[in-house]
Structure formats: structure tokens, C-alpha cells
Amino acid sequence: MTIAASVRPASWKWWICGLLLFASTINYMDRQTLANAAVRITDQFHLSQEQYGNLELVFGWAFAVGSMTFGILADRFSVRWLYPIVLALWSVVGFATGLVESYENLLVCRTLLGLFEGGHWPCAIKTTQRLLESKDRAMGNGVLQSGTSIGAIITPLVMRALLTNEPGSWRLPFQLVGAIGFVWIIFWLAMVRKNDLSPIVPSTESLAGVDSGDDTIWKAIFSRRMLVLFFVVACINTCWQTLRAWLPKFLQQGRGYAEADALYFNSLFYVATDVGCIGAGALTFWLARRGRSVHGSRSVVFFGCAALAALTTLAAGLPKGWLLLGVLLLVGAGALGVFPIYHALTQELSAQHQGKVTGITGVAAWVFAPPAQKFFGRLIDRTDSFDLGLALAGWLPLLAFAALWLFWNQSKNSPAPSV
């Protein structure tokens, strides 16, 4: 240990987690600008609902490719340098989106944005695995994940402040949000030191709970638990991405809310998702400390969040009003609350190949989400209603819970998951 390292405050690792929260915030701000300007953009480019769904489809498939690509790179190269490069690339593309003049160019920008944003999670999850002890990871992942909600909270407010009666005023928010990414890069390089994210011997305390036996990527990929995680993340991500992409349209075109009211509620919705995300990590931590098994704690919290997400069925039958908005807030809290539990589970599969594990599960996350967006748009075009698709999407986390409950076995030869 160097003299410089010895004088660092005990909280320095949580400051790095704060940077990860900031990165997630920027990631979702770049992503959510499209959803919050969706009505204006579809009007300007004369798009059908299915064509708008195509924008989400190409983003999702490119995100899957980026997850795998950068997952491999995160295990091979220093995350200290890879992470800011990835963030710079998606920030440039986000800025360029504000300059497009055609639907085809918009498709290209969304494709590239998805590709580069796919590098965020392999880099971020590898960082929390290297920084934090096993008992702290669910909380660290909750902090990391909560940045997505914060980004989604801020974005509608930015859009509301910058949008004018001029139809093309949606372009400036894309450029402003894209530029913010470069501020993060300065802080990251200043705060993260050369050896902070160096490889750690798997048997050390900080990697307790991670499977470190015959630690090959193939063993992890073909394990029962990896197959379960493929199904789990496909379900929870499809639900979440459907809500993320279509909520502003549902409020405006499905329930008749004005654009300004929909934007304000969209911010409130993501406050609820942030509460759900942080709350899920904290509740799991608390239950484990109260004597419940770690796996049991995770299961209880996951089920509770999944049950809240399934309230989309109730929301789909409600008219415009406070009851509808209240139910949607509960849905949001549950839909994002399952993610810290999921990330903690992925960190138990492999010490050496965390980047690849995150990348591979990221591919699984986006296998069904992009076609689901296209299907959702087509369903709206055919039925002239958002209700059926919304109702169905909310049940996917409960299907994920069923897979965990039935197949996440506690083998004698593999360590029990740790918070």
C-alpha cells in the first residue's frame, strides 16, 4: 500500500460508486431524450407507431452487440481507460442525434448509441465487483442502478425547460445531454487511480461468495444458474424497456395528458423507480442482517417488486386520473427494484470473467426487448390502444421470479449467493 493510498478516507469506494451513479444518469439521459420527445419526433418525420418501435429495436439489438463486445474488452483491458472511452463515444452520438434531418439518419444514430451504451454495464458491474466486498455489492449495485432513475427524472425537466413551440426545439436537449458526458470523464480520471481496479485474487475477502473454482467462462455460460439468469434478465429488461420507451406516449396519446403534464409525471415516475431501486438493495441488506438467508432475502424482495410491476394490468383498465398515476408509480418502483438483485446474482458466477458474464447476460437482456418494442407499436397501430401491451408487460418479472424460485438451486459444491 502506498502512502497516498493510506490517507484515503474509508468512504473512497462509495465516492467511486457515486461516479457510477453519475455515469448511469448520463446513460439514461442520452437514452430518454428520444422517449420524451417521441411525439414531436414522430410528427416531424411522419412516423407510424411501428416505425417509432423500430428506433427502439435497432437500439436494443445494437446494445446487445455492445454488451458482448465491451464485456470481452472489460476483462482484457483496464476499465479505468475503457470506461471513459465508451462514455465519450456514446456522448458524441447523443449530441449528433440532435443534428439529424431524416428518419434513416435517426436510425443510424440510435444504432450507434445502443452499441456504445452497451459498454456501460460491463464496465460498471466489473467496477463494483472489484471495489466492494460481497456483502456490500447489492447496495453498491443499487446505487449504480439508481442513476438510471435519476437520469430519467432529470431528462423530462430538461426537456420541459428547453422545448418551445418551435417544432425543432427538441434538438437542443440532445446536444446538451451529449455534452455532459465529458464532464464525467474529467472526474473519473481524477478520482480513479491506476491500481484501484486491478485484478484481485479470487480467494480474498473482497471477492467472497464468487465462484472461483474451475473459473472458466465456459463453465459459467453452461451452468444452470447462467441459463436461469438469461431468462430472468430477458423478462425484467423487456418489462422495463417497454415502460421506459412508451410511458410518455401512453400518457399523452393513450390517456390524453398534455405534453407538459406528461413530462412532469415522467420525472415523478422515475423518482418512484429510484426509491424502488435503492429500497430493494437496502431491504435485502436489512433482511439478511436480521437472520434470513441471503438467498431468502433476495427472493422475498424480488417477489415483492415483481408483484408491484404486475399492477400494469390494473393500470391498463384505469381512466385518466390520480388513481392511474398512483398505480403507475408503484409499477415503476417494482419494475426497477428487481435489477439490484439480478446484478448481485451475476456477480456470483465468475471472479475472472465478470465483464463477459455481464456482456453475455446483456445480450440475453436484449434478445426479446427490441422485437417487443416493434410488436408493441404494431399492436397499438392495429388496436388503437396501449392497454393490452401494457397489461402484458408487467407480468414478465413474475415469470422471472418463478424461474429463480424453481431453478436457482443451492448446490453443496457452489457457494450460496451473498449480498
Protein backbone atom coordinates (compact mmCIF):
# COMPACT_ATOMS: atom_id res chain seq x y z
CA MET A 1 0.00 0.00 0.00
CA THR A 2 1.39 3.39 -0.94
CA ILE A 3 1.47 6.37 1.39
CA ALA A 4 -1.00 8.17 -0.88
CA ALA A 5 -3.41 5.25 -0.73
CA SER A 6 -3.17 5.02 3.07
CA VAL A 7 -4.53 8.52 3.63
CA ARG A 8 -7.62 8.00 1.52
CA PRO A 9 -10.83 8.19 3.56
CA ALA A 10 -12.66 4.95 4.26
CA SER A 11 -15.55 6.19 2.11
CA TRP A 12 -13.49 6.49 -1.08
CA LYS A 13 -15.05 3.37 -2.62
CA TRP A 14 -18.52 4.81 -2.15
CA TRP A 15 -17.41 8.01 -3.85
CA ILE A 16 -16.47 5.86 -6.84
CA CYS A 17 -19.93 4.28 -6.63
CA GLY A 18 -21.26 7.82 -6.77
CA LEU A 19 -19.38 8.29 -10.04
CA LEU A 20 -21.01 5.11 -11.33
CA LEU A 21 -24.37 6.57 -10.37
CA PHE A 22 -23.45 9.69 -12.36
CA ALA A 23 -22.50 7.54 -15.38
CA SER A 24 -25.83 5.70 -15.20
CA THR A 25 -27.56 9.07 -15.00
CA ILE A 26 -25.85 10.28 -18.18
CA ASN A 27 -26.53 6.95 -19.87
CA TYR A 28 -30.26 7.27 -19.29
CA MET A 29 -30.40 10.94 -20.12
CA ASP A 30 -28.93 10.18 -23.54
CA ARG A 31 -31.40 7.32 -23.90
CA GLN A 32 -34.52 9.07 -22.60
CA THR A 33 -34.31 12.20 -24.70
CA LEU A 34 -35.93 10.26 -27.55
CA ALA A 35 -38.81 8.93 -25.43
CA ASN A 36 -39.53 12.38 -24.02
CA ALA A 37 -39.53 13.97 -27.47
CA ALA A 38 -41.25 10.98 -29.10
CA VAL A 39 -44.47 12.73 -30.07
CA ARG A 40 -42.65 15.70 -31.63
CA ILE A 41 -40.19 13.47 -33.49
CA THR A 42 -42.85 11.11 -34.83
CA ASP A 43 -44.85 14.12 -36.00
CA GLN A 44 -41.86 15.82 -37.66
CA PHE A 45 -40.73 12.71 -39.52
CA HIS A 46 -44.31 11.43 -40.10
CA LEU A 47 -43.65 8.09 -38.39
CA SER A 48 -46.10 5.34 -37.57
CA GLN A 49 -46.05 3.78 -34.12
CA GLU A 50 -44.29 0.74 -35.59
CA GLN A 51 -41.59 2.95 -37.11
CA TYR A 52 -41.04 4.51 -33.70
CA GLY A 53 -40.79 0.98 -32.35
CA ASN A 54 -38.07 0.35 -34.95
CA LEU A 55 -35.96 3.06 -33.31
CA GLU A 56 -36.13 1.10 -30.07
CA LEU A 57 -35.50 -2.17 -31.93
CA VAL A 58 -32.22 -1.07 -33.55
CA PHE A 59 -31.08 0.49 -30.27
CA GLY A 60 -31.74 -2.75 -28.42
CA TRP A 61 -30.03 -5.07 -30.85
CA ALA A 62 -27.02 -2.78 -31.05
CA PHE A 63 -26.99 -2.63 -27.24
CA ALA A 64 -26.77 -6.43 -27.18
CA VAL A 65 -23.78 -6.37 -29.54
CA GLY A 66 -22.15 -3.63 -27.47
CA SER A 67 -22.72 -5.55 -24.24
CA MET A 68 -20.90 -8.59 -25.57
CA THR A 69 -18.12 -6.63 -27.28
CA PHE A 70 -17.31 -4.39 -24.34
CA GLY A 71 -17.82 -7.23 -21.89
CA ILE A 72 -14.92 -9.05 -23.53
CA LEU A 73 -12.85 -5.87 -23.62
CA ALA A 74 -13.58 -5.13 -19.94
CA ASP A 75 -11.90 -8.42 -18.96
CA ARG A 76 -8.92 -7.78 -21.23
CA PHE A 77 -8.17 -4.08 -20.77
CA SER A 78 -8.15 -1.65 -17.86
CA VAL A 79 -11.67 -0.44 -17.06
CA ARG A 80 -10.08 2.81 -15.88
CA TRP A 81 -9.43 3.66 -19.54
CA LEU A 82 -12.11 1.64 -21.32
CA TYR A 83 -14.98 3.19 -19.38
CA PRO A 84 -14.29 6.86 -20.29
CA ILE A 85 -13.69 5.88 -23.93
CA VAL A 86 -17.07 4.17 -24.09
CA LEU A 87 -18.81 7.08 -22.42
CA ALA A 88 -17.18 9.58 -24.76
CA LEU A 89 -18.36 7.60 -27.79
CA TRP A 90 -21.99 7.43 -26.72
CA SER A 91 -21.95 11.12 -25.75
CA VAL A 92 -20.76 12.10 -29.24
CA VAL A 93 -23.53 10.03 -30.83
CA GLY A 94 -26.12 11.51 -28.47
CA PHE A 95 -25.00 15.01 -29.49
CA ALA A 96 -25.14 14.07 -33.19
CA THR A 97 -28.74 12.87 -32.83
CA GLY A 98 -29.78 16.48 -32.40
CA LEU A 99 -28.44 17.21 -35.88
CA VAL A 100 -30.26 14.54 -37.92
CA GLU A 101 -32.52 15.54 -40.78
CA SER A 102 -34.10 12.20 -41.73
CA TYR A 103 -35.60 9.06 -40.26
CA GLU A 104 -32.78 7.00 -41.76
CA ASN A 105 -30.14 9.12 -40.01
CA LEU A 106 -32.09 8.85 -36.80
CA LEU A 107 -31.97 5.05 -37.13
CA VAL A 108 -28.19 5.19 -37.59
CA CYS A 109 -27.72 7.37 -34.51
CA ARG A 110 -29.91 5.16 -32.34
CA THR A 111 -27.98 2.11 -33.54
CA LEU A 112 -24.62 3.63 -32.63
CA LEU A 113 -25.97 4.93 -29.32
CA GLY A 114 -27.11 1.44 -28.40
CA LEU A 115 -23.75 -0.05 -29.42
CA PHE A 116 -21.68 2.27 -27.24
CA GLU A 117 -24.13 2.45 -24.32
CA GLY A 118 -23.87 -1.35 -24.21
CA GLY A 119 -20.41 -0.86 -22.71
CA HIS A 120 -21.71 0.88 -19.61
CA TRP A 121 -22.89 -2.14 -17.66
CA PRO A 122 -19.88 -4.44 -18.20
CA CYS A 123 -17.57 -1.63 -17.07
CA ALA A 124 -19.77 -0.54 -14.14
CA ILE A 125 -20.55 -4.01 -12.78
CA LYS A 126 -16.90 -5.02 -13.04
CA THR A 127 -16.04 -1.87 -11.08
CA THR A 128 -18.41 -2.67 -8.19
CA GLN A 129 -17.19 -6.25 -8.10
CA ARG A 130 -13.57 -5.12 -7.80
CA LEU A 131 -14.31 -2.32 -5.33
CA LEU A 132 -16.75 -3.87 -2.89
CA GLU A 133 -16.91 -6.88 -0.64
CA SER A 134 -19.63 -9.40 -1.38
CA LYS A 135 -21.86 -8.20 1.48
CA ASP A 136 -21.84 -4.65 0.08
CA ARG A 137 -22.49 -5.39 -3.58
CA ALA A 138 -26.31 -5.36 -3.59
CA MET A 139 -26.20 -1.89 -2.02
CA GLY A 140 -23.44 -0.77 -4.41
CA ASN A 141 -25.43 -2.09 -7.35
CA GLY A 142 -28.48 -0.28 -6.02
CA VAL A 143 -26.56 2.99 -6.03
CA LEU A 144 -25.29 2.27 -9.53
CA GLN A 145 -28.73 1.28 -10.83
CA SER A 146 -30.44 4.25 -9.17
CA GLY A 147 -28.55 6.52 -11.55
CA THR A 148 -30.82 5.30 -14.33
CA SER A 149 -33.80 6.65 -12.42
CA ILE A 150 -32.07 9.94 -11.67
CA GLY A 151 -31.27 10.39 -15.34
CA ALA A 152 -34.86 9.65 -16.22
CA ILE A 153 -36.05 12.10 -13.54
CA ILE A 154 -33.87 14.91 -14.81
CA THR A 155 -34.46 14.41 -18.53
CA PRO A 156 -38.16 15.39 -18.64
CA LEU A 157 -37.36 18.52 -16.61
CA VAL A 158 -34.57 19.44 -19.03
CA MET A 159 -36.91 18.80 -21.95
CA ARG A 160 -39.65 20.88 -20.36
CA ALA A 161 -37.25 23.78 -19.83
CA LEU A 162 -35.81 23.70 -23.36
CA LEU A 163 -38.80 22.75 -25.50
CA THR A 164 -40.64 25.65 -27.09
CA ASN A 165 -43.48 25.99 -29.57
CA GLU A 166 -40.89 25.65 -32.31
CA PRO A 167 -41.23 22.04 -33.63
CA GLY A 168 -37.46 21.64 -33.96
CA SER A 169 -36.68 22.70 -30.41
CA TRP A 170 -36.29 19.00 -29.44
CA ARG A 171 -32.77 19.07 -30.94
CA LEU A 172 -31.08 21.23 -28.28
CA PRO A 173 -31.69 18.80 -25.38
CA PHE A 174 -29.93 16.01 -27.32
CA GLN A 175 -26.88 18.23 -27.80
CA LEU A 176 -26.81 19.47 -24.20
CA VAL A 177 -27.10 15.99 -22.70
CA GLY A 178 -24.43 14.68 -25.07
CA ALA A 179 -22.01 17.35 -23.89
CA ILE A 180 -22.47 16.49 -20.20
CA GLY A 181 -20.67 13.18 -20.64
CA PHE A 182 -17.32 14.86 -20.99
CA VAL A 183 -17.66 16.38 -17.51
CA TRP A 184 -17.91 12.84 -16.08
CA ILE A 185 -14.72 11.78 -17.85
CA ILE A 186 -12.75 14.52 -16.08
CA PHE A 187 -13.98 13.40 -12.64
CA TRP A 188 -13.39 9.71 -13.40
CA LEU A 189 -9.78 10.16 -14.45
CA ALA A 190 -9.13 12.43 -11.46
CA MET A 191 -10.67 10.12 -8.85
CA VAL A 192 -9.87 6.59 -10.04
CA ARG A 193 -6.20 5.72 -9.58
CA LYS A 194 -4.08 3.33 -11.57
CA ASN A 195 -4.35 0.35 -9.21
CA ASP A 196 -7.86 0.92 -7.84
CA LEU A 197 -9.42 -1.58 -10.25
CA SER A 198 -6.51 -4.00 -10.55
CA PRO A 199 -7.26 -7.74 -10.63
CA ILE A 200 -7.83 -9.28 -7.21
CA VAL A 201 -7.03 -12.85 -6.25
CA PRO A 202 -10.44 -14.61 -6.13
CA SER A 203 -9.86 -16.07 -2.67
CA THR A 204 -9.51 -12.69 -0.96
CA GLU A 205 -12.23 -11.33 1.27
CA SER A 206 -13.37 -8.75 -1.23
CA LEU A 207 -14.42 -11.46 -3.66
CA ALA A 208 -16.02 -13.72 -1.07
CA GLY A 209 -19.05 -15.53 -2.45
CA VAL A 210 -17.83 -15.54 -6.05
CA ASP A 211 -17.46 -18.91 -7.70
CA SER A 212 -13.69 -19.25 -8.12
CA GLY A 213 -13.15 -22.98 -8.56
CA ASP A 214 -12.52 -24.06 -12.13
CA ASP A 215 -13.07 -20.46 -13.16
CA THR A 216 -13.53 -20.67 -16.93
CA ILE A 217 -16.02 -18.63 -18.92
CA TRP A 218 -17.45 -21.80 -20.46
CA LYS A 219 -18.20 -23.24 -17.05
CA ALA A 220 -20.13 -20.09 -16.20
CA ILE A 221 -22.01 -19.93 -19.52
CA PHE A 222 -23.24 -23.51 -19.40
CA SER A 223 -24.12 -23.56 -15.73
CA ARG A 224 -27.71 -23.93 -14.58
CA ARG A 225 -27.57 -20.52 -12.93
CA MET A 226 -26.44 -18.74 -16.08
CA LEU A 227 -29.35 -20.23 -18.03
CA VAL A 228 -31.71 -19.05 -15.30
CA LEU A 229 -30.20 -15.56 -15.48
CA PHE A 230 -30.69 -15.49 -19.26
CA PHE A 231 -34.41 -15.98 -18.77
CA VAL A 232 -34.63 -13.64 -15.79
CA VAL A 233 -32.92 -10.70 -17.46
CA ALA A 234 -34.86 -11.17 -20.71
CA CYS A 235 -38.10 -10.88 -18.73
CA ILE A 236 -37.23 -7.99 -16.43
CA ASN A 237 -35.50 -5.95 -19.13
CA THR A 238 -38.34 -6.36 -21.63
CA CYS A 239 -40.78 -5.11 -18.99
CA TRP A 240 -38.57 -2.19 -18.02
CA GLN A 241 -37.72 -1.11 -21.57
CA THR A 242 -41.39 -1.19 -22.55
CA LEU A 243 -42.24 1.17 -19.70
CA ARG A 244 -39.24 3.38 -20.41
CA ALA A 245 -39.94 3.77 -24.12
CA TRP A 246 -43.72 4.02 -24.18
CA LEU A 247 -44.86 5.70 -20.96
CA PRO A 248 -44.78 9.28 -22.36
CA LYS A 249 -46.80 8.16 -25.39
CA PHE A 250 -49.22 6.20 -23.22
CA LEU A 251 -49.90 9.26 -21.09
CA GLN A 252 -50.27 11.69 -23.99
CA GLN A 253 -51.85 9.62 -26.75
CA GLY A 254 -53.42 6.88 -24.64
CA ARG A 255 -54.88 8.92 -21.78
CA GLY A 256 -54.98 12.46 -23.13
CA TYR A 257 -52.45 14.20 -20.88
CA ALA A 258 -50.85 17.39 -22.15
CA GLU A 259 -47.16 17.20 -23.04
CA ALA A 260 -46.10 19.35 -20.07
CA ASP A 261 -48.13 17.27 -17.60
CA ALA A 262 -46.75 14.03 -19.04
CA LEU A 263 -43.18 15.29 -18.72
CA TYR A 264 -43.69 16.31 -15.10
CA PHE A 265 -45.23 12.96 -14.25
CA ASN A 266 -42.44 11.16 -16.08
CA SER A 267 -39.99 12.74 -13.63
CA LEU A 268 -42.15 11.69 -10.69
CA PHE A 269 -42.38 8.16 -12.12
CA TYR A 270 -38.60 7.86 -12.07
CA VAL A 271 -38.44 9.18 -8.53
CA ALA A 272 -40.57 6.15 -7.67
CA THR A 273 -38.25 3.84 -9.62
CA ASP A 274 -35.27 5.28 -7.75
CA VAL A 275 -37.00 4.61 -4.43
CA GLY A 276 -37.71 1.07 -5.59
CA CYS A 277 -34.13 0.52 -6.69
CA ILE A 278 -32.41 1.84 -3.55
CA GLY A 279 -35.13 0.32 -1.37
CA ALA A 280 -34.68 -3.14 -2.88
CA GLY A 281 -30.94 -3.12 -2.18
CA ALA A 282 -31.39 -1.75 1.34
CA LEU A 283 -34.23 -4.15 2.20
CA THR A 284 -32.22 -7.14 1.00
CA PHE A 285 -29.30 -5.97 3.14
CA TRP A 286 -31.58 -5.48 6.18
CA LEU A 287 -33.34 -8.86 5.88
CA ALA A 288 -30.02 -10.69 5.65
CA ARG A 289 -28.78 -8.90 8.76
CA ARG A 290 -31.97 -9.88 10.58
CA GLY A 291 -31.16 -13.57 10.24
CA ARG A 292 -32.85 -14.52 6.96
CA SER A 293 -30.63 -16.34 4.46
CA VAL A 294 -29.13 -14.17 1.74
CA HIS A 295 -30.93 -16.10 -0.98
CA GLY A 296 -34.17 -15.94 1.00
CA SER A 297 -33.79 -12.19 1.43
CA ARG A 298 -33.25 -11.70 -2.27
CA SER A 299 -36.22 -13.92 -3.11
CA VAL A 300 -38.62 -12.01 -0.85
CA VAL A 301 -37.58 -8.64 -2.25
CA PHE A 302 -37.61 -9.83 -5.85
CA PHE A 303 -41.12 -11.26 -5.48
CA GLY A 304 -42.43 -8.10 -3.86
CA CYS A 305 -41.04 -5.92 -6.65
CA ALA A 306 -42.34 -8.29 -9.34
CA ALA A 307 -45.82 -8.18 -7.81
CA LEU A 308 -45.79 -4.38 -7.96
CA ALA A 309 -44.76 -4.47 -11.63
CA ALA A 310 -47.75 -6.72 -12.41
CA LEU A 311 -50.06 -3.85 -11.41
CA THR A 312 -49.81 -2.75 -15.07
CA THR A 313 -52.90 -4.92 -15.53
CA LEU A 314 -54.78 -2.63 -13.16
CA ALA A 315 -53.32 0.50 -14.76
CA ALA A 316 -54.42 -0.64 -18.22
CA GLY A 317 -58.05 -0.58 -17.07
CA LEU A 318 -57.96 2.79 -15.34
CA PRO A 319 -59.00 6.11 -16.91
CA LYS A 320 -57.07 9.35 -16.69
CA GLY A 321 -56.80 10.43 -13.08
CA TRP A 322 -54.90 10.28 -9.80
CA LEU A 323 -55.56 6.57 -9.25
CA LEU A 324 -53.96 5.71 -12.58
CA LEU A 325 -50.90 7.83 -11.78
CA GLY A 326 -50.56 6.31 -8.30
CA VAL A 327 -50.64 2.77 -9.68
CA LEU A 328 -48.03 3.66 -12.28
CA LEU A 329 -45.72 4.90 -9.53
CA LEU A 330 -45.97 1.51 -7.79
CA VAL A 331 -45.33 -0.23 -11.11
CA GLY A 332 -42.18 1.81 -11.65
CA ALA A 333 -40.82 1.07 -8.18
CA GLY A 334 -41.26 -2.65 -8.71
CA ALA A 335 -40.05 -2.81 -12.32
CA LEU A 336 -36.64 -1.30 -11.50
CA GLY A 337 -36.38 -2.74 -7.99
CA VAL A 338 -35.65 -6.23 -9.31
CA PHE A 339 -32.41 -5.14 -11.00
CA PRO A 340 -30.06 -4.77 -7.98
CA ILE A 341 -30.97 -8.35 -7.00
CA TYR A 342 -30.29 -9.56 -10.52
CA HIS A 343 -26.89 -7.80 -10.70
CA ALA A 344 -25.84 -9.27 -7.36
CA LEU A 345 -26.62 -12.74 -8.71
CA THR A 346 -24.47 -12.22 -11.80
CA GLN A 347 -21.52 -11.27 -9.60
CA GLU A 348 -21.50 -14.72 -8.02
CA LEU A 349 -20.80 -16.62 -11.24
CA SER A 350 -17.19 -15.80 -12.03
CA ALA A 351 -14.44 -13.70 -10.47
CA GLN A 352 -12.21 -13.66 -13.52
CA HIS A 353 -14.82 -13.17 -16.23
CA GLN A 354 -17.24 -10.63 -14.75
CA GLY A 355 -17.12 -8.43 -17.84
CA LYS A 356 -18.00 -11.33 -20.12
CA VAL A 357 -20.76 -12.53 -17.79
CA THR A 358 -22.31 -9.06 -17.80
CA GLY A 359 -21.88 -8.82 -21.56
CA ILE A 360 -23.42 -12.21 -22.26
CA THR A 361 -26.37 -11.62 -19.97
CA GLY A 362 -26.69 -8.20 -21.60
CA VAL A 363 -27.18 -9.96 -24.93
CA ALA A 364 -29.89 -12.10 -23.35
CA ALA A 365 -31.49 -8.95 -21.93
CA TRP A 366 -31.94 -7.53 -25.40
CA VAL A 367 -32.97 -10.64 -27.33
CA PHE A 368 -36.66 -10.04 -26.69
CA ALA A 369 -36.83 -6.37 -25.69
CA PRO A 370 -36.27 -4.89 -29.21
CA PRO A 371 -38.80 -7.14 -31.01
CA ALA A 372 -41.18 -6.44 -28.13
CA GLN A 373 -40.95 -2.71 -28.88
CA LYS A 374 -41.78 -3.33 -32.54
CA PHE A 375 -44.63 -5.66 -31.55
CA PHE A 376 -45.91 -3.10 -29.06
CA GLY A 377 -46.01 -0.41 -31.74
CA ARG A 378 -47.73 -2.73 -34.23
CA LEU A 379 -50.28 -3.71 -31.58
CA ILE A 380 -51.07 -0.04 -30.94
CA ASP A 381 -51.45 0.65 -34.66
CA ARG A 382 -53.87 -2.27 -35.01
CA THR A 383 -55.92 -1.80 -31.83
CA ASP A 384 -55.57 1.98 -31.44
CA SER A 385 -54.85 1.31 -27.75
CA PHE A 386 -51.85 0.99 -25.46
CA ASP A 387 -53.71 -1.04 -22.86
CA LEU A 388 -53.20 -4.69 -23.85
CA GLY A 389 -49.44 -4.40 -24.36
CA LEU A 390 -49.03 -2.50 -21.10
CA ALA A 391 -51.01 -5.11 -19.17
CA LEU A 392 -48.93 -8.00 -20.53
CA ALA A 393 -45.52 -6.35 -19.99
CA GLY A 394 -45.97 -6.06 -16.23
CA TRP A 395 -46.25 -9.82 -15.68
CA LEU A 396 -42.80 -10.60 -17.04
CA PRO A 397 -40.94 -10.01 -13.71
CA LEU A 398 -43.22 -12.57 -12.03
CA LEU A 399 -42.22 -15.10 -14.69
CA ALA A 400 -38.60 -14.25 -13.87
CA PHE A 401 -39.26 -14.86 -10.17
CA ALA A 402 -40.79 -18.25 -10.95
CA ALA A 403 -37.59 -19.25 -12.78
CA LEU A 404 -35.44 -18.18 -9.83
CA TRP A 405 -37.66 -19.96 -7.34
CA LEU A 406 -37.73 -23.22 -9.31
CA PHE A 407 -34.22 -23.46 -10.72
CA TRP A 408 -31.76 -21.32 -8.72
CA ASN A 409 -30.67 -24.36 -6.74
CA GLN A 410 -28.37 -24.15 -3.75
CA SER A 411 -25.72 -26.71 -4.67
CA LYS A 412 -23.45 -28.07 -1.95
CA ASN A 413 -20.48 -27.50 -4.22
CA SER A 414 -21.19 -23.90 -5.04
CA PRO A 415 -21.26 -21.02 -2.61
CA ALA A 416 -24.57 -19.54 -1.66
CA PRO A 417 -25.16 -16.10 -3.16
CA SER A 418 -24.04 -13.24 -0.97
CA VAL A 419 -25.48 -9.78 -0.68
